[in-house]
Amino acid sequence: MSTINHSELDLREESVIRINRVAKVNSRGKRFSFSTLVVIGDGRTHVGIGAGKANEVLVSITKAKDTAKQNLIKVPVYNYTIPHEIIGKHGASRVLLKPAPPGTGIIAGSAVRLIMEQVGISNIYTKVLGSNNAMNVAKAVMNALLNLQDIRKVAKKRGKTPNNLFEV
């Protein structure tokens, strides 16, 4: 897999999936820091997620954004939806992604919805199965998107066109 140069893309504003306040307890009391999960994309098939930790919220968001830029992937999108049904897995979380007809919208929970908006997918059905921890759900969605196959390549391999690929 080739790496994607984020400086060449017209990236949207990042979306914060979750900000978590973490406390470290020592003899003087509690020391608070922040853990942030961020998704970034261009709205045209590129997306990445990243996590960052810092003592201040803005610094942790900046770190997460930088990590997300390093983790960009290209997603095969066909008619503003995904080319086929897939289940992504990470930890105890599983996420089912199903293509939907035009006009359906994004039927998804918060973490999945933010990722789909950043990819540029506007018609999809999703269901989170198992754990609904935001970090694991986001990684499961990225796993599913990474394992999607491009409909044009599959059609060419089978000697068909993308429009008649699903006909028996």
C-alpha atoms as a PDB file:
ATOM      1  CA  MET A   1       0.000   0.000   0.000  1.00  0.00           C
ATOM      2  CA  SER A   2       1.387   3.399  -0.951  1.00  0.00           C
ATOM      3  CA  THR A   3       1.372   6.280   1.488  1.00  0.00           C
ATOM      4  CA  ILE A   4      -0.808   9.276   0.743  1.00  0.00           C
ATOM      5  CA  ASN A   5       0.724  12.746   0.831  1.00  0.00           C
ATOM      6  CA  HIS A   6      -1.662  14.853   2.939  1.00  0.00           C
ATOM      7  CA  SER A   7      -0.181  18.134   1.674  1.00  0.00           C
ATOM      8  CA  GLU A   8      -1.553  17.401  -1.831  1.00  0.00           C
ATOM      9  CA  LEU A   9      -5.126  16.883  -0.541  1.00  0.00           C
ATOM     10  CA  ASP A  10      -7.675  19.575   0.233  1.00  0.00           C
ATOM     11  CA  LEU A  11      -8.489  18.320   3.741  1.00  0.00           C
ATOM     12  CA  ARG A  12     -11.659  19.406   5.545  1.00  0.00           C
ATOM     13  CA  GLU A  13     -11.764  20.617   9.125  1.00  0.00           C
ATOM     14  CA  GLU A  14     -11.126  17.710  11.488  1.00  0.00           C
ATOM     15  CA  SER A  15     -14.026  16.126  13.390  1.00  0.00           C
ATOM     16  CA  VAL A  16     -13.479  15.235  17.034  1.00  0.00           C
ATOM     17  CA  ILE A  17     -14.974  11.830  17.775  1.00  0.00           C
ATOM     18  CA  ARG A  18     -14.204  11.772  21.495  1.00  0.00           C
ATOM     19  CA  ILE A  19     -12.378  13.760  24.175  1.00  0.00           C
ATOM     20  CA  ASN A  20     -11.621  11.745  27.279  1.00  0.00           C
ATOM     21  CA  ARG A  21     -10.360  13.257  30.540  1.00  0.00           C
ATOM     22  CA  VAL A  22      -7.833  10.941  32.147  1.00  0.00           C
ATOM     23  CA  ALA A  23      -6.664  11.252  35.757  1.00  0.00           C
ATOM     24  CA  LYS A  24      -3.359  10.075  37.185  1.00  0.00           C
ATOM     25  CA  VAL A  25      -3.450   9.845  40.984  1.00  0.00           C
ATOM     26  CA  ASN A  26      -0.298  10.487  43.004  1.00  0.00           C
ATOM     27  CA  SER A  27       0.496  11.583  46.565  1.00  0.00           C
ATOM     28  CA  ARG A  28      -0.340  15.235  45.799  1.00  0.00           C
ATOM     29  CA  GLY A  29      -3.750  14.501  44.290  1.00  0.00           C
ATOM     30  CA  LYS A  30      -5.016  13.983  40.775  1.00  0.00           C
ATOM     31  CA  ARG A  31      -3.207  15.056  37.631  1.00  0.00           C
ATOM     32  CA  PHE A  32      -5.625  15.454  34.692  1.00  0.00           C
ATOM     33  CA  SER A  33      -4.756  15.043  31.029  1.00  0.00           C
ATOM     34  CA  PHE A  34      -6.818  14.636  27.871  1.00  0.00           C
ATOM     35  CA  SER A  35      -7.011  11.861  25.316  1.00  0.00           C
ATOM     36  CA  THR A  36      -8.594  12.795  21.967  1.00  0.00           C
ATOM     37  CA  LEU A  37      -9.757  10.792  18.954  1.00  0.00           C
ATOM     38  CA  VAL A  38     -10.003  12.731  15.670  1.00  0.00           C
ATOM     39  CA  VAL A  39     -11.024  11.896  12.090  1.00  0.00           C
ATOM     40  CA  ILE A  40      -9.881  13.923   9.090  1.00  0.00           C
ATOM     41  CA  GLY A  41     -10.732  13.584   5.398  1.00  0.00           C
ATOM     42  CA  ASP A  42     -11.154  15.430   2.129  1.00  0.00           C
ATOM     43  CA  GLY A  43     -14.789  14.461   1.443  1.00  0.00           C
ATOM     44  CA  ARG A  44     -13.631  12.715  -1.730  1.00  0.00           C
ATOM     45  CA  THR A  45     -12.536   9.175  -0.720  1.00  0.00           C
ATOM     46  CA  HIS A  46      -9.602   9.972   1.631  1.00  0.00           C
ATOM     47  CA  VAL A  47      -9.889   9.567   5.408  1.00  0.00           C
ATOM     48  CA  GLY A  48      -7.687   8.970   8.454  1.00  0.00           C
ATOM     49  CA  ILE A  49      -8.108   8.682  12.221  1.00  0.00           C
ATOM     50  CA  GLY A  50      -5.666   9.609  14.941  1.00  0.00           C
ATOM     51  CA  ALA A  51      -5.360   9.724  18.711  1.00  0.00           C
ATOM     52  CA  GLY A  52      -3.493  12.275  20.795  1.00  0.00           C
ATOM     53  CA  LYS A  53      -2.775  12.804  24.486  1.00  0.00           C
ATOM     54  CA  ALA A  54      -1.732  16.005  26.238  1.00  0.00           C
ATOM     55  CA  ASN A  55      -2.327  18.094  29.351  1.00  0.00           C
ATOM     56  CA  GLU A  56      -4.512  20.544  27.394  1.00  0.00           C
ATOM     57  CA  VAL A  57      -7.442  19.831  25.069  1.00  0.00           C
ATOM     58  CA  LEU A  58      -6.217  21.924  22.114  1.00  0.00           C
ATOM     59  CA  VAL A  59      -2.755  20.354  22.191  1.00  0.00           C
ATOM     60  CA  SER A  60      -4.224  16.845  22.272  1.00  0.00           C
ATOM     61  CA  ILE A  61      -6.506  17.681  19.303  1.00  0.00           C
ATOM     62  CA  THR A  62      -3.496  19.006  17.357  1.00  0.00           C
ATOM     63  CA  LYS A  63      -1.503  15.842  18.093  1.00  0.00           C
ATOM     64  CA  ALA A  64      -4.451  13.656  17.075  1.00  0.00           C
ATOM     65  CA  LYS A  65      -4.889  15.647  13.848  1.00  0.00           C
ATOM     66  CA  ASP A  66      -1.210  15.152  12.968  1.00  0.00           C
ATOM     67  CA  THR A  67      -1.520  11.402  13.600  1.00  0.00           C
ATOM     68  CA  ALA A  68      -4.690  11.256  11.467  1.00  0.00           C
ATOM     69  CA  LYS A  69      -2.846  12.943   8.570  1.00  0.00           C
ATOM     70  CA  GLN A  70      -0.189  10.207   8.745  1.00  0.00           C
ATOM     71  CA  ASN A  71      -2.854   7.457   8.691  1.00  0.00           C
ATOM     72  CA  LEU A  72      -4.770   8.541   5.565  1.00  0.00           C
ATOM     73  CA  ILE A  73      -6.269   5.825   3.371  1.00  0.00           C
ATOM     74  CA  LYS A  74      -8.136   5.883   0.046  1.00  0.00           C
ATOM     75  CA  VAL A  75     -11.635   4.369   0.140  1.00  0.00           C
ATOM     76  CA  PRO A  76     -13.361   2.975  -2.970  1.00  0.00           C
ATOM     77  CA  VAL A  77     -16.654   4.875  -3.276  1.00  0.00           C
ATOM     78  CA  TYR A  78     -19.282   4.096  -5.924  1.00  0.00           C
ATOM     79  CA  ASN A  79     -22.331   6.404  -6.364  1.00  0.00           C
ATOM     80  CA  TYR A  80     -21.757   8.021  -2.937  1.00  0.00           C
ATOM     81  CA  THR A  81     -21.922   4.654  -1.151  1.00  0.00           C
ATOM     82  CA  ILE A  82     -19.628   1.675  -0.629  1.00  0.00           C
ATOM     83  CA  PRO A  83     -19.347  -0.995  -3.341  1.00  0.00           C
ATOM     84  CA  HIS A  84     -20.329  -3.978  -1.153  1.00  0.00           C
ATOM     85  CA  GLU A  85     -21.349  -5.100   2.334  1.00  0.00           C
ATOM     86  CA  ILE A  86     -18.511  -5.640   4.835  1.00  0.00           C
ATOM     87  CA  ILE A  87     -17.886  -6.196   8.536  1.00  0.00           C
ATOM     88  CA  GLY A  88     -14.911  -4.441  10.147  1.00  0.00           C
ATOM     89  CA  LYS A  89     -13.410  -5.776  13.365  1.00  0.00           C
ATOM     90  CA  HIS A  90     -11.201  -4.334  16.067  1.00  0.00           C
ATOM     91  CA  GLY A  91     -11.005  -5.613  19.614  1.00  0.00           C
ATOM     92  CA  ALA A  92     -14.505  -6.506  20.831  1.00  0.00           C
ATOM     93  CA  SER A  93     -16.143  -4.127  18.329  1.00  0.00           C
ATOM     94  CA  ARG A  94     -17.585  -5.172  14.994  1.00  0.00           C
ATOM     95  CA  VAL A  95     -19.157  -2.724  12.546  1.00  0.00           C
ATOM     96  CA  LEU A  96     -21.450  -3.768   9.699  1.00  0.00           C
ATOM     97  CA  LEU A  97     -21.425  -1.431   6.670  1.00  0.00           C
ATOM     98  CA  LYS A  98     -24.039  -1.895   3.910  1.00  0.00           C
ATOM     99  CA  PRO A  99     -24.451   0.071   0.677  1.00  0.00           C
ATOM    100  CA  ALA A 100     -27.693   2.051   0.415  1.00  0.00           C
ATOM    101  CA  PRO A 101     -29.657   3.507  -2.514  1.00  0.00           C
ATOM    102  CA  PRO A 102     -29.441   7.244  -3.316  1.00  0.00           C
ATOM    103  CA  GLY A 103     -31.466   9.439  -0.960  1.00  0.00           C
ATOM    104  CA  THR A 104     -31.092   7.154   2.075  1.00  0.00           C
ATOM    105  CA  GLY A 105     -28.586   9.273   3.986  1.00  0.00           C
ATOM    106  CA  ILE A 106     -26.121   8.104   6.620  1.00  0.00           C
ATOM    107  CA  ILE A 107     -27.855   5.688   8.981  1.00  0.00           C
ATOM    108  CA  ALA A 108     -25.165   5.444  11.660  1.00  0.00           C
ATOM    109  CA  GLY A 109     -24.123   6.226  15.211  1.00  0.00           C
ATOM    110  CA  SER A 110     -21.892   9.148  16.125  1.00  0.00           C
ATOM    111  CA  ALA A 111     -18.369   7.740  15.539  1.00  0.00           C
ATOM    112  CA  VAL A 112     -19.332   5.953  12.309  1.00  0.00           C
ATOM    113  CA  ARG A 113     -21.298   8.978  11.032  1.00  0.00           C
ATOM    114  CA  LEU A 114     -18.341  11.348  11.491  1.00  0.00           C
ATOM    115  CA  ILE A 115     -16.023   9.008   9.578  1.00  0.00           C
ATOM    116  CA  MET A 116     -18.536   8.543   6.722  1.00  0.00           C
ATOM    117  CA  GLU A 117     -19.020  12.316   6.406  1.00  0.00           C
ATOM    118  CA  GLN A 118     -15.250  12.830   6.170  1.00  0.00           C
ATOM    119  CA  VAL A 119     -14.935  10.103   3.487  1.00  0.00           C
ATOM    120  CA  GLY A 120     -17.702  11.641   1.385  1.00  0.00           C
ATOM    121  CA  ILE A 121     -20.144   8.733   1.650  1.00  0.00           C
ATOM    122  CA  SER A 122     -23.710  10.050   1.830  1.00  0.00           C
ATOM    123  CA  ASN A 123     -25.810   6.849   1.533  1.00  0.00           C
ATOM    124  CA  ILE A 124     -25.024   3.933   3.851  1.00  0.00           C
ATOM    125  CA  TYR A 125     -26.546   1.633   6.451  1.00  0.00           C
ATOM    126  CA  THR A 126     -24.381   0.772   9.479  1.00  0.00           C
ATOM    127  CA  LYS A 127     -24.728  -1.221  12.669  1.00  0.00           C
ATOM    128  CA  VAL A 128     -22.272  -1.436  15.567  1.00  0.00           C
ATOM    129  CA  LEU A 129     -22.093  -4.983  16.915  1.00  0.00           C
ATOM    130  CA  GLY A 130     -20.357  -5.865  20.176  1.00  0.00           C
ATOM    131  CA  SER A 131     -18.535  -3.164  22.134  1.00  0.00           C
ATOM    132  CA  ASN A 132     -19.491   0.461  21.394  1.00  0.00           C
ATOM    133  CA  ASN A 133     -16.241   1.965  22.708  1.00  0.00           C
ATOM    134  CA  ALA A 134     -15.580   4.955  20.398  1.00  0.00           C
ATOM    135  CA  MET A 135     -11.894   4.137  19.808  1.00  0.00           C
ATOM    136  CA  ASN A 136     -12.559   0.496  18.907  1.00  0.00           C
ATOM    137  CA  VAL A 137     -15.591   1.382  16.757  1.00  0.00           C
ATOM    138  CA  ALA A 138     -13.545   3.955  14.807  1.00  0.00           C
ATOM    139  CA  LYS A 139     -10.732   1.453  14.255  1.00  0.00           C
ATOM    140  CA  ALA A 140     -13.251  -1.222  13.188  1.00  0.00           C
ATOM    141  CA  VAL A 141     -14.737   1.199  10.625  1.00  0.00           C
ATOM    142  CA  MET A 142     -11.262   1.983   9.293  1.00  0.00           C
ATOM    143  CA  ASN A 143     -10.553  -1.772   9.092  1.00  0.00           C
ATOM    144  CA  ALA A 144     -13.741  -2.250   7.051  1.00  0.00           C
ATOM    145  CA  LEU A 145     -12.974   0.696   4.742  1.00  0.00           C
ATOM    146  CA  LEU A 146      -9.411  -0.543   4.235  1.00  0.00           C
ATOM    147  CA  ASN A 147     -10.662  -4.007   3.202  1.00  0.00           C
ATOM    148  CA  LEU A 148     -13.240  -2.743   0.685  1.00  0.00           C
ATOM    149  CA  GLN A 149     -12.619  -3.802  -2.899  1.00  0.00           C
ATOM    150  CA  ASP A 150     -13.041  -1.348  -5.770  1.00  0.00           C
ATOM    151  CA  ILE A 151     -16.140  -2.255  -7.797  1.00  0.00           C
ATOM    152  CA  ARG A 152     -14.466  -1.352 -11.097  1.00  0.00           C
ATOM    153  CA  LYS A 153     -11.515  -3.716 -10.460  1.00  0.00           C
ATOM    154  CA  VAL A 154     -13.812  -6.571  -9.403  1.00  0.00           C
ATOM    155  CA  ALA A 155     -16.030  -6.034 -12.471  1.00  0.00           C
ATOM    156  CA  LYS A 156     -13.002  -5.999 -14.787  1.00  0.00           C
ATOM    157  CA  LYS A 157     -11.656  -9.184 -13.182  1.00  0.00           C
ATOM    158  CA  ARG A 158     -15.024 -10.898 -13.775  1.00  0.00           C
ATOM    159  CA  GLY A 159     -15.360  -9.538 -17.324  1.00  0.00           C
ATOM    160  CA  LYS A 160     -18.423  -7.386 -16.553  1.00  0.00           C
ATOM    161  CA  THR A 161     -19.298  -3.721 -16.138  1.00  0.00           C
ATOM    162  CA  PRO A 162     -19.954  -2.180 -12.695  1.00  0.00           C
ATOM    163  CA  ASN A 163     -23.665  -1.763 -13.547  1.00  0.00           C
ATOM    164  CA  ASN A 164     -24.326  -5.452 -14.326  1.00  0.00           C
ATOM    165  CA  LEU A 165     -21.904  -6.885 -11.761  1.00  0.00           C
ATOM    166  CA  PHE A 166     -24.661  -7.993  -9.361  1.00  0.00           C
ATOM    167  CA  GLU A 167     -26.896  -9.603 -12.000  1.00  0.00           C
ATOM    168  CA  VAL A 168     -27.009 -13.412 -11.901  1.00  0.00           C
END
